[in-house]
Amino acid sequence: MAKKKVASRIAKNPKIIIIKNERTLTLYSNNSQILQYPIAIGKPSTQTPVGNYLIANKITNPGGNLGTRWMGLNYDAYGIHGTNQPWLIGKMVSNGCIRMHNHNVEQLFEFIELGTPVYIRD
């Protein structure tokens, strides 16, 4: 599920769509799907918030349990990040953030810029 087709380094008019029920994050470039990844989402007591957001910051090697990359949303302390528990991808286990395998989040990190829209849907 990791790649659909090869993308250039920075996607053109990128947007990210996260479908919580499917546990997928999909990157679009000019409205064409270019990448799709499995994700982990918030547990029932700390759900991933549905809504429209933007990538507000990007950090390499944020440390702790955030894996190798962090892409913060412009809402509270939520973001898209790697993990030190890859066996939990596909489950409802986070405190509301979107978790990805580190090799996947590293790839996504290279394709998006600050201000990239992120649409989180049930």
N, C-alpha and C. Protein backbone atom coordinates (compact mmCIF):
# COMPACT_ATOMS: atom_id res chain seq x y z
N MET A 1 0.82 -1.19 0.00
CA MET A 1 0.00 0.00 0.00
C MET A 1 0.86 1.26 0.00
N ALA A 2 2.17 1.16 0.07
CA ALA A 2 3.02 2.33 0.26
C ALA A 2 3.11 3.26 -0.94
N LYS A 3 3.23 2.75 -2.17
CA LYS A 3 3.42 3.63 -3.32
C LYS A 3 2.39 3.34 -4.39
N LYS A 4 1.95 4.39 -5.06
CA LYS A 4 1.11 4.19 -6.23
C LYS A 4 1.94 4.47 -7.46
N LYS A 5 2.52 5.67 -7.56
CA LYS A 5 3.46 5.98 -8.63
C LYS A 5 4.50 6.93 -8.09
N VAL A 6 5.61 7.02 -8.77
CA VAL A 6 6.71 7.85 -8.29
C VAL A 6 6.37 9.32 -8.46
N ALA A 7 6.62 10.09 -7.42
CA ALA A 7 6.33 11.53 -7.45
C ALA A 7 7.64 12.30 -7.49
N SER A 8 7.57 13.53 -7.99
CA SER A 8 8.74 14.39 -7.91
C SER A 8 8.92 14.80 -6.46
N ARG A 9 10.06 15.39 -6.12
CA ARG A 9 10.38 15.70 -4.73
C ARG A 9 9.29 16.48 -4.00
N ILE A 10 8.84 17.58 -4.56
CA ILE A 10 7.76 18.35 -3.94
C ILE A 10 6.52 18.17 -4.81
N ALA A 11 5.44 17.71 -4.21
CA ALA A 11 4.21 17.52 -4.96
C ALA A 11 3.66 18.88 -5.40
N LYS A 12 3.02 18.91 -6.56
CA LYS A 12 2.40 20.14 -7.06
C LYS A 12 0.98 20.24 -6.51
N ASN A 13 0.66 21.38 -5.90
CA ASN A 13 -0.64 21.56 -5.26
C ASN A 13 -0.98 20.36 -4.37
N PRO A 14 -0.10 20.05 -3.43
CA PRO A 14 -0.32 18.85 -2.62
C PRO A 14 -1.48 19.00 -1.65
N LYS A 15 -2.09 17.88 -1.33
CA LYS A 15 -3.05 17.82 -0.24
C LYS A 15 -3.01 16.42 0.33
N ILE A 16 -3.29 16.33 1.61
CA ILE A 16 -3.30 15.06 2.32
C ILE A 16 -4.73 14.80 2.76
N ILE A 17 -5.21 13.59 2.48
CA ILE A 17 -6.53 13.18 2.96
C ILE A 17 -6.35 11.95 3.85
N ILE A 18 -6.84 12.06 5.06
CA ILE A 18 -6.76 10.98 6.04
C ILE A 18 -8.18 10.46 6.26
N ILE A 19 -8.36 9.16 6.05
CA ILE A 19 -9.65 8.51 6.29
C ILE A 19 -9.46 7.62 7.52
N LYS A 20 -10.03 8.06 8.63
CA LYS A 20 -9.82 7.35 9.90
C LYS A 20 -10.33 5.92 9.86
N ASN A 21 -11.53 5.69 9.34
CA ASN A 21 -12.11 4.34 9.33
C ASN A 21 -11.29 3.37 8.51
N GLU A 22 -10.60 3.87 7.50
CA GLU A 22 -9.76 3.02 6.65
C GLU A 22 -8.32 2.95 7.15
N ARG A 23 -7.97 3.84 8.09
CA ARG A 23 -6.60 3.95 8.61
C ARG A 23 -5.61 4.20 7.48
N THR A 24 -5.96 5.17 6.61
CA THR A 24 -5.08 5.51 5.49
C THR A 24 -4.81 7.00 5.44
N LEU A 25 -3.63 7.34 4.98
CA LEU A 25 -3.23 8.70 4.65
C LEU A 25 -2.86 8.67 3.17
N THR A 26 -3.48 9.55 2.39
CA THR A 26 -3.23 9.60 0.95
C THR A 26 -2.73 10.98 0.58
N LEU A 27 -1.65 11.02 -0.20
CA LEU A 27 -1.11 12.27 -0.71
C LEU A 27 -1.55 12.44 -2.16
N TYR A 28 -2.08 13.62 -2.45
CA TYR A 28 -2.49 13.97 -3.81
C TYR A 28 -1.61 15.09 -4.33
N SER A 29 -1.34 15.06 -5.62
CA SER A 29 -0.64 16.12 -6.33
C SER A 29 -1.50 16.48 -7.53
N ASN A 30 -1.90 17.76 -7.61
CA ASN A 30 -2.82 18.19 -8.68
C ASN A 30 -4.03 17.26 -8.76
N ASN A 31 -4.60 16.92 -7.60
CA ASN A 31 -5.79 16.07 -7.49
C ASN A 31 -5.60 14.64 -7.96
N SER A 32 -4.36 14.20 -8.18
CA SER A 32 -4.09 12.81 -8.53
C SER A 32 -3.40 12.13 -7.35
N GLN A 33 -3.89 10.97 -6.98
CA GLN A 33 -3.28 10.22 -5.89
C GLN A 33 -1.89 9.77 -6.29
N ILE A 34 -0.90 10.08 -5.44
CA ILE A 34 0.46 9.64 -5.75
C ILE A 34 1.03 8.70 -4.70
N LEU A 35 0.59 8.81 -3.46
CA LEU A 35 1.09 7.94 -2.39
C LEU A 35 -0.04 7.62 -1.42
N GLN A 36 -0.01 6.42 -0.86
CA GLN A 36 -0.96 6.07 0.19
C GLN A 36 -0.25 5.20 1.22
N TYR A 37 -0.56 5.46 2.50
CA TYR A 37 0.12 4.77 3.59
C TYR A 37 -0.87 4.28 4.64
N PRO A 38 -0.53 3.20 5.33
CA PRO A 38 -1.30 2.80 6.51
C PRO A 38 -0.91 3.70 7.69
N ILE A 39 -1.85 3.94 8.58
CA ILE A 39 -1.61 4.83 9.72
C ILE A 39 -2.24 4.25 10.99
N ALA A 40 -1.84 4.81 12.12
CA ALA A 40 -2.53 4.60 13.39
C ALA A 40 -3.20 5.93 13.73
N ILE A 41 -4.33 5.85 14.42
CA ILE A 41 -5.07 7.06 14.80
C ILE A 41 -5.33 7.05 16.30
N GLY A 42 -6.02 8.09 16.76
CA GLY A 42 -6.32 8.23 18.18
C GLY A 42 -7.23 7.14 18.71
N LYS A 43 -6.98 6.79 19.97
CA LYS A 43 -7.84 5.81 20.63
C LYS A 43 -9.19 6.46 20.95
N PRO A 44 -10.21 5.67 21.30
CA PRO A 44 -11.54 6.25 21.54
C PRO A 44 -11.56 7.39 22.56
N SER A 45 -10.71 7.34 23.56
CA SER A 45 -10.70 8.39 24.58
C SER A 45 -9.93 9.64 24.16
N THR A 46 -9.10 9.53 23.13
CA THR A 46 -8.32 10.68 22.62
C THR A 46 -8.36 10.64 21.09
N GLN A 47 -9.53 10.84 20.53
CA GLN A 47 -9.74 10.66 19.10
C GLN A 47 -8.98 11.68 18.26
N THR A 48 -8.59 11.24 17.08
CA THR A 48 -8.01 12.14 16.08
C THR A 48 -9.11 13.09 15.63
N PRO A 49 -8.86 14.40 15.68
CA PRO A 49 -9.92 15.36 15.35
C PRO A 49 -10.21 15.43 13.85
N VAL A 50 -11.49 15.30 13.51
CA VAL A 50 -11.94 15.46 12.13
C VAL A 50 -11.93 16.95 11.81
N GLY A 51 -11.51 17.30 10.59
CA GLY A 51 -11.51 18.71 10.20
C GLY A 51 -10.52 19.00 9.09
N ASN A 52 -10.39 20.28 8.79
CA ASN A 52 -9.48 20.76 7.75
C ASN A 52 -8.36 21.55 8.41
N TYR A 53 -7.14 21.16 8.13
CA TYR A 53 -5.97 21.75 8.78
C TYR A 53 -4.89 22.05 7.75
N LEU A 54 -3.79 22.61 8.24
CA LEU A 54 -2.61 22.88 7.41
C LEU A 54 -1.37 22.35 8.12
N ILE A 55 -0.36 21.98 7.35
CA ILE A 55 0.93 21.63 7.94
C ILE A 55 1.58 22.93 8.41
N ALA A 56 1.80 23.05 9.71
CA ALA A 56 2.31 24.29 10.30
C ALA A 56 3.80 24.26 10.58
N ASN A 57 4.36 23.06 10.78
CA ASN A 57 5.80 22.95 11.02
C ASN A 57 6.27 21.55 10.66
N LYS A 58 7.55 21.45 10.38
CA LYS A 58 8.18 20.18 10.02
C LYS A 58 9.48 20.06 10.81
N ILE A 59 9.66 18.91 11.47
CA ILE A 59 10.85 18.71 12.29
C ILE A 59 11.46 17.34 11.97
N THR A 60 12.77 17.34 11.74
CA THR A 60 13.52 16.11 11.55
C THR A 60 14.02 15.61 12.89
N ASN A 61 13.88 14.32 13.14
CA ASN A 61 14.33 13.68 14.38
C ASN A 61 13.83 14.41 15.63
N PRO A 62 12.50 14.45 15.83
CA PRO A 62 11.94 15.16 16.98
C PRO A 62 12.19 14.48 18.32
N GLY A 63 12.59 13.22 18.30
CA GLY A 63 12.91 12.52 19.53
C GLY A 63 11.71 11.84 20.18
N GLY A 64 12.00 11.14 21.26
CA GLY A 64 10.95 10.45 22.00
C GLY A 64 10.23 9.41 21.17
N ASN A 65 8.93 9.31 21.37
CA ASN A 65 8.14 8.31 20.66
C ASN A 65 7.58 8.84 19.34
N LEU A 66 8.10 9.97 18.85
CA LEU A 66 7.60 10.58 17.61
C LEU A 66 8.28 10.05 16.36
N GLY A 67 9.17 9.09 16.52
CA GLY A 67 9.84 8.54 15.35
C GLY A 67 10.82 9.53 14.75
N THR A 68 11.00 9.44 13.42
CA THR A 68 12.05 10.22 12.75
C THR A 68 11.59 11.53 12.15
N ARG A 69 10.28 11.76 12.04
CA ARG A 69 9.78 13.01 11.46
C ARG A 69 8.50 13.45 12.17
N TRP A 70 8.31 14.77 12.22
CA TRP A 70 7.11 15.39 12.78
C TRP A 70 6.62 16.44 11.80
N MET A 71 5.34 16.41 11.49
CA MET A 71 4.67 17.44 10.69
C MET A 71 3.48 17.91 11.50
N GLY A 72 3.63 19.06 12.14
CA GLY A 72 2.59 19.56 13.02
C GLY A 72 1.46 20.22 12.27
N LEU A 73 0.25 20.01 12.78
CA LEU A 73 -0.92 20.67 12.21
C LEU A 73 -1.14 22.01 12.89
N ASN A 74 -1.91 22.86 12.26
CA ASN A 74 -2.20 24.18 12.83
C ASN A 74 -3.39 24.09 13.79
N TYR A 75 -3.43 23.03 14.56
CA TYR A 75 -4.50 22.83 15.53
C TYR A 75 -3.93 22.14 16.76
N ASP A 76 -3.99 22.82 17.88
CA ASP A 76 -3.57 22.28 19.16
C ASP A 76 -2.17 21.65 19.03
N ALA A 77 -1.97 20.48 19.57
CA ALA A 77 -0.65 19.83 19.51
C ALA A 77 -0.69 18.58 18.64
N TYR A 78 -1.60 18.54 17.68
CA TYR A 78 -1.75 17.37 16.81
C TYR A 78 -0.78 17.43 15.64
N GLY A 79 -0.40 16.24 15.16
CA GLY A 79 0.49 16.19 14.02
C GLY A 79 0.52 14.80 13.40
N ILE A 80 1.33 14.71 12.35
CA ILE A 80 1.61 13.46 11.65
C ILE A 80 3.06 13.14 11.98
N HIS A 81 3.32 11.93 12.48
CA HIS A 81 4.69 11.62 12.88
C HIS A 81 4.98 10.14 12.74
N GLY A 82 6.25 9.80 12.91
CA GLY A 82 6.69 8.42 12.90
C GLY A 82 6.35 7.75 14.23
N THR A 83 6.99 6.62 14.47
CA THR A 83 6.69 5.89 15.70
C THR A 83 7.87 5.02 16.11
N ASN A 84 7.95 4.75 17.39
CA ASN A 84 8.91 3.76 17.88
C ASN A 84 8.19 2.44 18.20
N GLN A 85 6.91 2.35 17.77
CA GLN A 85 6.11 1.14 17.96
C GLN A 85 5.41 0.78 16.64
N PRO A 86 6.17 0.37 15.63
CA PRO A 86 5.58 0.15 14.30
C PRO A 86 4.51 -0.94 14.26
N TRP A 87 4.52 -1.85 15.20
CA TRP A 87 3.52 -2.92 15.23
C TRP A 87 2.12 -2.39 15.54
N LEU A 88 2.01 -1.12 15.97
CA LEU A 88 0.70 -0.55 16.28
C LEU A 88 0.06 0.20 15.10
N ILE A 89 0.77 0.30 13.98
CA ILE A 89 0.18 0.95 12.80
C ILE A 89 -1.05 0.14 12.38
N GLY A 90 -2.12 0.86 12.06
CA GLY A 90 -3.38 0.22 11.70
C GLY A 90 -4.38 0.16 12.85
N LYS A 91 -3.95 0.62 14.02
CA LYS A 91 -4.80 0.53 15.21
C LYS A 91 -5.19 1.92 15.72
N MET A 92 -6.13 1.94 16.66
CA MET A 92 -6.54 3.17 17.34
C MET A 92 -5.78 3.23 18.67
N VAL A 93 -4.61 3.86 18.67
CA VAL A 93 -3.74 3.79 19.84
C VAL A 93 -3.11 5.12 20.26
N SER A 94 -3.19 6.14 19.44
CA SER A 94 -2.46 7.39 19.74
C SER A 94 -3.28 8.30 20.65
N ASN A 95 -2.67 9.40 21.03
CA ASN A 95 -3.36 10.44 21.80
C ASN A 95 -4.05 11.44 20.88
N GLY A 96 -4.26 11.06 19.62
CA GLY A 96 -4.95 11.91 18.65
C GLY A 96 -4.14 12.20 17.41
N CYS A 97 -2.83 12.02 17.51
CA CYS A 97 -1.97 12.24 16.34
C CYS A 97 -2.10 11.10 15.34
N ILE A 98 -1.58 11.35 14.14
CA ILE A 98 -1.49 10.34 13.10
C ILE A 98 -0.09 9.74 13.16
N ARG A 99 0.00 8.44 13.37
CA ARG A 99 1.29 7.75 13.40
C ARG A 99 1.51 7.01 12.09
N MET A 100 2.76 6.99 11.65
CA MET A 100 3.13 6.29 10.42
C MET A 100 4.42 5.50 10.66
N HIS A 101 4.65 4.49 9.82
CA HIS A 101 5.96 3.83 9.82
C HIS A 101 7.01 4.89 9.51
N ASN A 102 8.17 4.80 10.13
CA ASN A 102 9.21 5.81 9.94
C ASN A 102 9.63 5.96 8.49
N HIS A 103 9.80 4.85 7.76
CA HIS A 103 10.22 4.98 6.36
C HIS A 103 9.14 5.68 5.52
N ASN A 104 7.87 5.50 5.88
CA ASN A 104 6.79 6.19 5.16
C ASN A 104 6.73 7.67 5.50
N VAL A 105 6.86 8.01 6.78
CA VAL A 105 6.78 9.42 7.17
C VAL A 105 7.98 10.19 6.62
N GLU A 106 9.12 9.53 6.49
CA GLU A 106 10.30 10.18 5.90
C GLU A 106 10.04 10.50 4.43
N GLN A 107 9.40 9.60 3.72
CA GLN A 107 9.08 9.84 2.31
C GLN A 107 8.06 10.98 2.18
N LEU A 108 6.98 10.92 2.95
CA LEU A 108 5.96 11.96 2.90
C LEU A 108 6.55 13.33 3.21
N PHE A 109 7.42 13.39 4.21
CA PHE A 109 8.07 14.62 4.65
C PHE A 109 8.73 15.36 3.49
N GLU A 110 9.33 14.59 2.57
CA GLU A 110 10.04 15.18 1.43
C GLU A 110 9.11 15.75 0.36
N PHE A 111 7.87 15.29 0.32
CA PHE A 111 6.96 15.68 -0.75
C PHE A 111 6.07 16.87 -0.40
N ILE A 112 6.01 17.24 0.86
CA ILE A 112 5.08 18.32 1.24
C ILE A 112 5.83 19.52 1.79
N GLU A 113 5.13 20.65 1.77
CA GLU A 113 5.68 21.91 2.27
C GLU A 113 4.79 22.45 3.38
N LEU A 114 5.30 23.44 4.08
CA LEU A 114 4.47 24.14 5.05
C LEU A 114 3.25 24.69 4.32
N GLY A 115 2.11 24.63 4.96
CA GLY A 115 0.88 25.12 4.35
C GLY A 115 0.11 24.07 3.57
N THR A 116 0.66 22.85 3.44
CA THR A 116 -0.07 21.78 2.75
C THR A 116 -1.37 21.50 3.49
N PRO A 117 -2.51 21.48 2.77
CA PRO A 117 -3.79 21.17 3.42
C PRO A 117 -3.86 19.70 3.85
N VAL A 118 -4.46 19.48 5.02
CA VAL A 118 -4.68 18.14 5.55
C VAL A 118 -6.16 18.03 5.90
N TYR A 119 -6.85 17.09 5.27
CA TYR A 119 -8.27 16.87 5.50
C TYR A 119 -8.43 15.55 6.23
N ILE A 120 -8.95 15.62 7.45
CA ILE A 120 -9.16 14.41 8.24
C ILE A 120 -10.65 14.12 8.27
N ARG A 121 -11.00 12.92 7.81
CA ARG A 121 -12.40 12.49 7.71
C ARG A 121 -12.58 11.18 8.47
N ASP A 122 -13.83 10.94 8.89
CA ASP A 122 -14.14 9.66 9.53
C ASP A 122 -14.07 8.56 8.50
